[in-house]
Amino acid sequence: MAKLRIWAYYVRNAFLNILRNRLIHALSIGTISVSLLFLGAFVLLWVNVNAWVLQWGQSLSISVYLKDGIEKKSMEKIESAIKGLPGAEIRGFVSKEKAWSNLIEMLGSQAALLDGLGKNPLPASIEVMFEGLGRNQVDPKRIKGELEKMEGVDEVQYSEQWLARLEGLLYILKLAGFVIGGLLAIAVLFIISNTIRLTIYSRRDEIEILKLVGATDWFVKTPYMIEGAIQGLVGAALAFAILLTMYYLLPFKTIHLFGLPMMKIVFLPQGHAVFLFATGFFLGLLGSFIAISRAFRI
């Protein structure tokens, strides 16, 4: 019971400190939330790119681009050849007009850039998906070579070409994440430690009295540690709330390519959300520890 009363005193004191210096803490929490928001947004981007790489790695897709003015007979031969491939399924046919309208939709307000083009340069295409087969069971290079030899086929592209580029992007994102995360962590530590130092300075007379009547160093310091942890947690909660709001305000949750659903945008998984809150909490503890170490000359 005595320990519970002591911890209740620590928590109460921490909240009283925050209320007494609410303007400083509000500015500090706001800055922390912005820093953690950037970190959370970066993690969210990495989660989605990683999910897309895994998704594309489990299935192979091929886009067969057709020459303009292709004859019906050639079209039928191409479709027959595709259907004869093991595991191949034709997901859709995208006409030149549909490809053009999809491009205009994707560009949105920037669609006026296309006004200078004299004619529609986009080819019609057949979208093919291979499912139920491992990556070692399909030879996309061989399929590409065979289809490109057929009359009426202009070019064939397969998802593994894009997968290699996405894996390169994923590596860059991971590397940049460590750099940006480290810089943001240093910024959060700096903000929290300086905020706690200011509150300690504002209550230096009260601290001296507590020490004169026999209070131990950690009896005085613990509320400030809790104060820093609260700042970190509240900052993380605000960052998470903003990210969640932005996610739900997205006008779309699936990225379409040439009218076909290609990539689903997901929110932070539970483990990554916990990581965001834990980061705020531990940075708060560490920042306050740095502050009291300097203030009390530990």
Protein backbone atom coordinates (compact mmCIF):
# COMPACT_ATOMS: atom_id res chain seq x y z
CA MET A 1 0.00 0.00 0.00
CA ALA A 2 2.84 2.37 0.85
CA LYS A 3 4.37 1.87 -2.61
CA LEU A 4 1.02 2.50 -4.27
CA ARG A 5 0.65 5.77 -2.32
CA ILE A 6 4.16 6.84 -3.34
CA TRP A 7 3.48 6.11 -7.03
CA ALA A 8 0.13 7.89 -6.79
CA TYR A 9 2.05 10.90 -5.43
CA TYR A 10 4.54 10.69 -8.31
CA VAL A 11 1.81 10.57 -10.98
CA ARG A 12 -0.21 13.35 -9.31
CA ASN A 13 2.88 15.54 -9.09
CA ALA A 14 3.71 14.89 -12.74
CA PHE A 15 0.24 15.98 -13.86
CA LEU A 16 0.37 19.03 -11.56
CA ASN A 17 3.72 20.00 -13.12
CA ILE A 18 2.18 19.73 -16.58
CA LEU A 19 -0.82 21.87 -15.56
CA ARG A 20 1.38 24.52 -13.94
CA ASN A 21 3.52 24.80 -17.07
CA ARG A 22 0.78 23.93 -19.59
CA LEU A 23 1.89 26.41 -22.26
CA ILE A 24 5.45 25.04 -22.38
CA HIS A 25 4.17 21.46 -22.33
CA ALA A 26 1.56 22.16 -25.01
CA LEU A 27 4.26 23.52 -27.33
CA SER A 28 6.52 20.60 -26.48
CA ILE A 29 3.80 17.97 -27.07
CA GLY A 30 2.81 19.66 -30.33
CA THR A 31 6.38 19.56 -31.62
CA ILE A 32 6.80 15.95 -30.48
CA SER A 33 3.57 14.92 -32.22
CA VAL A 34 4.76 16.53 -35.49
CA SER A 35 8.10 14.69 -35.26
CA LEU A 36 6.39 11.36 -34.52
CA LEU A 37 3.85 12.09 -37.28
CA PHE A 38 6.68 12.28 -39.81
CA LEU A 39 8.14 9.06 -38.40
CA GLY A 40 4.72 7.36 -38.48
CA ALA A 41 4.07 8.50 -42.06
CA PHE A 42 7.44 7.10 -43.11
CA VAL A 43 6.70 3.78 -41.39
CA LEU A 44 3.27 3.72 -43.08
CA LEU A 45 4.87 4.24 -46.48
CA TRP A 46 7.38 1.46 -45.80
CA VAL A 47 4.61 -0.92 -44.63
CA ASN A 48 2.64 -0.38 -47.85
CA VAL A 49 5.63 -0.70 -50.19
CA ASN A 50 6.70 -3.86 -48.34
CA ALA A 51 3.15 -5.28 -48.62
CA TRP A 52 3.11 -4.53 -52.36
CA VAL A 53 6.49 -6.25 -52.85
CA LEU A 54 5.23 -9.34 -50.98
CA GLN A 55 1.95 -9.31 -52.91
CA TRP A 56 3.66 -9.01 -56.28
CA GLY A 57 6.22 -11.63 -55.25
CA GLN A 58 3.46 -14.19 -54.63
CA SER A 59 1.84 -13.77 -58.05
CA LEU A 60 3.08 -12.87 -61.51
CA SER A 61 1.21 -10.44 -63.75
CA ILE A 62 1.87 -9.64 -67.39
CA SER A 63 0.74 -6.72 -69.53
CA VAL A 64 0.58 -7.52 -73.25
CA TYR A 65 0.60 -4.24 -75.20
CA LEU A 66 -0.98 -4.45 -78.65
CA LYS A 67 -0.16 -2.64 -81.88
CA ASP A 68 -2.64 -0.11 -83.24
CA GLY A 69 -5.10 -1.49 -85.77
CA ILE A 70 -4.60 -5.11 -84.75
CA GLU A 71 -6.80 -7.52 -86.69
CA LYS A 72 -9.44 -9.59 -84.94
CA LYS A 73 -7.78 -12.83 -86.09
CA SER A 74 -4.43 -11.83 -84.56
CA MET A 75 -6.22 -10.82 -81.36
CA GLU A 76 -7.87 -14.24 -81.11
CA LYS A 77 -4.51 -15.99 -81.64
CA ILE A 78 -2.90 -13.92 -78.87
CA GLU A 79 -5.76 -14.67 -76.45
CA SER A 80 -5.57 -18.37 -77.32
CA ALA A 81 -1.81 -18.41 -76.72
CA ILE A 82 -2.27 -16.72 -73.34
CA LYS A 83 -5.00 -19.14 -72.25
CA GLY A 84 -2.68 -22.00 -73.16
CA LEU A 85 -0.08 -20.85 -70.64
CA PRO A 86 -0.13 -22.84 -67.34
CA GLY A 87 -1.90 -20.87 -64.57
CA ALA A 88 -2.60 -17.88 -66.82
CA GLU A 89 -5.89 -16.00 -66.45
CA ILE A 90 -6.90 -13.00 -68.55
CA ARG A 91 -8.05 -10.38 -66.04
CA GLY A 92 -9.17 -7.78 -68.55
CA PHE A 93 -8.76 -5.96 -71.82
CA VAL A 94 -7.87 -2.27 -71.69
CA SER A 95 -8.66 -0.38 -74.89
CA LYS A 96 -6.72 2.69 -76.05
CA GLU A 97 -9.67 4.88 -75.06
CA LYS A 98 -9.91 3.29 -71.60
CA ALA A 99 -6.15 3.64 -71.04
CA TRP A 100 -6.38 7.32 -72.02
CA SER A 101 -9.33 8.02 -69.71
CA ASN A 102 -7.53 6.19 -66.86
CA LEU A 103 -4.44 8.36 -67.42
CA ILE A 104 -6.56 11.54 -67.34
CA GLU A 105 -8.19 10.34 -64.11
CA MET A 106 -4.80 9.58 -62.54
CA LEU A 107 -3.39 13.00 -63.48
CA GLY A 108 -6.43 14.83 -62.09
CA SER A 109 -5.90 18.59 -62.18
CA GLN A 110 -2.67 18.08 -64.16
CA ALA A 111 -4.54 16.43 -67.07
CA ALA A 112 -4.24 19.70 -69.06
CA LEU A 113 -0.61 18.70 -69.73
CA LEU A 114 -1.95 16.16 -72.24
CA ASP A 115 -3.69 18.79 -74.39
CA GLY A 116 -0.57 19.27 -76.50
CA LEU A 117 -0.61 15.66 -77.72
CA GLY A 118 -2.10 15.34 -81.18
CA LYS A 119 -3.43 11.82 -80.68
CA ASN A 120 -3.76 9.12 -78.06
CA PRO A 121 -0.26 7.51 -77.83
CA LEU A 122 -1.30 4.77 -75.39
CA PRO A 123 -1.64 1.19 -76.67
CA ALA A 124 -4.44 -1.25 -75.90
CA SER A 125 -3.40 -4.07 -73.58
CA ILE A 126 -4.38 -7.45 -72.21
CA GLU A 127 -3.83 -7.87 -68.47
CA VAL A 128 -2.84 -11.41 -67.44
CA MET A 129 -2.40 -12.90 -63.95
CA PHE A 130 -0.63 -16.14 -63.01
CA GLU A 131 -1.94 -17.63 -59.77
CA GLY A 132 -1.44 -20.91 -57.97
CA LEU A 133 2.10 -21.27 -59.30
CA GLY A 134 5.39 -20.59 -57.55
CA ARG A 135 7.83 -18.05 -58.98
CA ASN A 136 10.11 -20.93 -60.03
CA GLN A 137 7.29 -22.56 -62.03
CA VAL A 138 6.87 -19.60 -64.41
CA ASP A 139 9.54 -18.26 -66.73
CA PRO A 140 8.38 -14.69 -67.49
CA LYS A 141 11.33 -13.97 -69.80
CA ARG A 142 10.47 -16.95 -72.00
CA ILE A 143 6.77 -16.00 -72.05
CA LYS A 144 7.69 -12.41 -72.90
CA GLY A 145 9.90 -13.54 -75.77
CA GLU A 146 7.27 -15.91 -77.20
CA LEU A 147 4.40 -13.41 -77.03
CA GLU A 148 6.45 -10.56 -78.53
CA LYS A 149 7.07 -12.72 -81.61
CA MET A 150 3.34 -12.93 -82.29
CA GLU A 151 1.73 -10.69 -84.89
CA GLY A 152 -0.04 -7.71 -83.32
CA VAL A 153 2.00 -7.68 -80.07
CA ASP A 154 4.01 -4.49 -79.52
CA GLU A 155 5.61 -5.18 -76.12
CA VAL A 156 5.20 -7.41 -73.06
CA GLN A 157 6.00 -6.29 -69.52
CA TYR A 158 5.86 -8.48 -66.43
CA SER A 159 5.54 -7.63 -62.74
CA GLU A 160 8.97 -8.98 -61.76
CA GLN A 161 10.54 -6.09 -63.68
CA TRP A 162 8.62 -3.69 -61.44
CA LEU A 163 9.25 -5.92 -58.42
CA ALA A 164 13.02 -5.47 -58.78
CA ARG A 165 12.53 -1.69 -58.86
CA LEU A 166 10.22 -1.81 -55.82
CA GLU A 167 12.73 -3.92 -53.87
CA GLY A 168 15.37 -1.29 -54.64
CA LEU A 169 12.97 1.42 -53.45
CA LEU A 170 12.28 -0.61 -50.30
CA TYR A 171 15.99 -0.78 -49.49
CA ILE A 172 16.33 3.00 -49.99
CA LEU A 173 13.27 3.62 -47.79
CA LYS A 174 14.67 1.38 -45.06
CA LEU A 175 18.03 3.16 -45.16
CA ALA A 176 16.40 6.60 -45.22
CA GLY A 177 14.09 5.49 -42.39
CA PHE A 178 17.04 4.80 -40.09
CA VAL A 179 18.58 8.20 -40.88
CA ILE A 180 15.34 10.19 -40.58
CA GLY A 181 14.21 8.20 -37.53
CA GLY A 182 17.53 8.89 -35.81
CA LEU A 183 17.34 12.62 -36.53
CA LEU A 184 13.72 12.81 -35.33
CA ALA A 185 14.61 10.87 -32.17
CA ILE A 186 17.40 13.35 -31.40
CA ALA A 187 14.97 16.24 -31.98
CA VAL A 188 12.37 14.69 -29.63
CA LEU A 189 15.02 14.06 -26.95
CA PHE A 190 16.19 17.67 -27.23
CA ILE A 191 12.63 19.03 -26.90
CA ILE A 192 11.65 16.83 -23.94
CA SER A 193 14.90 17.33 -22.04
CA ASN A 194 14.72 21.12 -22.39
CA THR A 195 11.04 21.21 -21.38
CA ILE A 196 11.78 19.17 -18.23
CA ARG A 197 14.78 21.39 -17.45
CA LEU A 198 12.54 24.46 -17.64
CA THR A 199 9.99 22.93 -15.26
CA ILE A 200 12.78 21.91 -12.86
CA TYR A 201 14.17 25.45 -12.98
CA SER A 202 10.72 26.94 -12.28
CA ARG A 203 10.37 24.72 -9.17
CA ARG A 204 13.94 24.90 -7.90
CA ASP A 205 12.91 26.46 -4.55
CA GLU A 206 10.36 23.67 -3.91
CA ILE A 207 13.00 21.04 -4.80
CA GLU A 208 15.48 22.59 -2.35
CA ILE A 209 12.88 22.45 0.44
CA LEU A 210 12.09 18.79 -0.28
CA LYS A 211 15.79 17.91 -0.12
CA LEU A 212 16.24 19.86 3.12
CA VAL A 213 13.47 17.85 4.82
CA GLY A 214 15.12 14.58 3.81
CA ALA A 215 13.62 13.66 0.43
CA THR A 216 15.89 11.39 -1.59
CA ASP A 217 17.08 12.42 -5.06
CA TRP A 218 14.87 9.85 -6.84
CA PHE A 219 11.83 10.87 -4.79
CA VAL A 220 12.24 14.32 -6.36
CA LYS A 221 13.27 13.08 -9.80
CA THR A 222 10.64 10.39 -10.46
CA PRO A 223 7.72 12.80 -11.15
CA TYR A 224 9.85 14.48 -13.84
CA MET A 225 10.59 11.08 -15.40
CA ILE A 226 6.84 10.36 -15.49
CA GLU A 227 6.27 13.86 -16.89
CA GLY A 228 8.59 13.14 -19.82
CA ALA A 229 6.94 9.76 -20.47
CA ILE A 230 3.51 11.43 -20.51
CA GLN A 231 4.74 14.00 -23.03
CA GLY A 232 6.05 11.24 -25.29
CA LEU A 233 2.86 9.16 -25.01
CA VAL A 234 0.53 12.11 -25.66
CA GLY A 235 2.68 13.20 -28.62
CA ALA A 236 2.53 9.65 -30.03
CA ALA A 237 -1.25 9.49 -29.49
CA LEU A 238 -1.76 12.78 -31.36
CA ALA A 239 0.49 11.62 -34.22
CA PHE A 240 -1.42 8.31 -34.41
CA ALA A 241 -4.79 10.11 -34.38
CA ILE A 242 -3.71 12.45 -37.21
CA LEU A 243 -2.39 9.50 -39.28
CA LEU A 244 -5.63 7.56 -38.74
CA THR A 245 -7.74 10.58 -39.70
CA MET A 246 -5.69 11.18 -42.86
CA TYR A 247 -6.03 7.49 -43.78
CA TYR A 248 -9.83 7.54 -43.44
CA LEU A 249 -10.03 10.82 -45.38
CA LEU A 250 -8.22 9.26 -48.36
CA PRO A 251 -10.61 9.34 -51.33
CA PHE A 252 -9.41 5.85 -52.35
CA LYS A 253 -8.01 2.78 -50.59
CA THR A 254 -6.94 0.88 -53.72
CA ILE A 255 -4.53 2.03 -56.42
CA HIS A 256 -5.78 1.13 -59.88
CA LEU A 257 -3.53 0.71 -62.89
CA PHE A 258 -5.26 0.92 -66.26
CA GLY A 259 -8.59 0.33 -64.58
CA LEU A 260 -7.45 -2.79 -62.70
CA PRO A 261 -7.01 -2.93 -58.89
CA MET A 262 -3.27 -3.37 -58.31
CA MET A 263 -2.35 -2.19 -54.81
CA LYS A 264 -4.36 -1.89 -51.62
CA ILE A 265 -3.39 0.88 -49.20
CA VAL A 266 -3.28 -0.45 -45.63
CA PHE A 267 -2.98 1.34 -42.29
CA LEU A 268 -0.33 0.68 -39.65
CA PRO A 269 -0.55 -2.92 -38.37
CA GLN A 270 -0.99 -3.35 -34.63
CA GLY A 271 2.70 -4.09 -34.04
CA HIS A 272 3.84 -0.93 -35.84
CA ALA A 273 1.24 1.17 -33.98
CA VAL A 274 2.56 -0.20 -30.66
CA PHE A 275 6.09 0.65 -31.88
CA LEU A 276 5.02 4.28 -32.43
CA PHE A 277 3.61 4.58 -28.89
CA ALA A 278 6.60 2.75 -27.37
CA THR A 279 8.97 5.09 -29.23
CA GLY A 280 7.18 8.13 -27.77
CA PHE A 281 7.19 6.59 -24.27
CA PHE A 282 10.89 5.61 -24.22
CA LEU A 283 12.04 8.85 -25.84
CA GLY A 284 10.07 10.70 -23.14
CA LEU A 285 11.75 8.69 -20.39
CA LEU A 286 15.21 9.12 -21.91
CA GLY A 287 14.71 12.86 -22.53
CA SER A 288 13.60 13.47 -18.96
CA PHE A 289 16.48 11.34 -17.64
CA ILE A 290 18.97 13.48 -19.59
CA ALA A 291 17.35 16.63 -18.18
CA ILE A 292 17.43 15.54 -14.53
CA SER A 293 20.96 14.16 -14.93
CA ARG A 294 22.15 17.62 -15.88
CA ALA A 295 19.96 19.50 -13.41
CA PHE A 296 20.89 17.32 -10.42
CA ARG A 297 24.47 16.71 -11.59
CA ILE A 298 24.21 12.90 -11.36
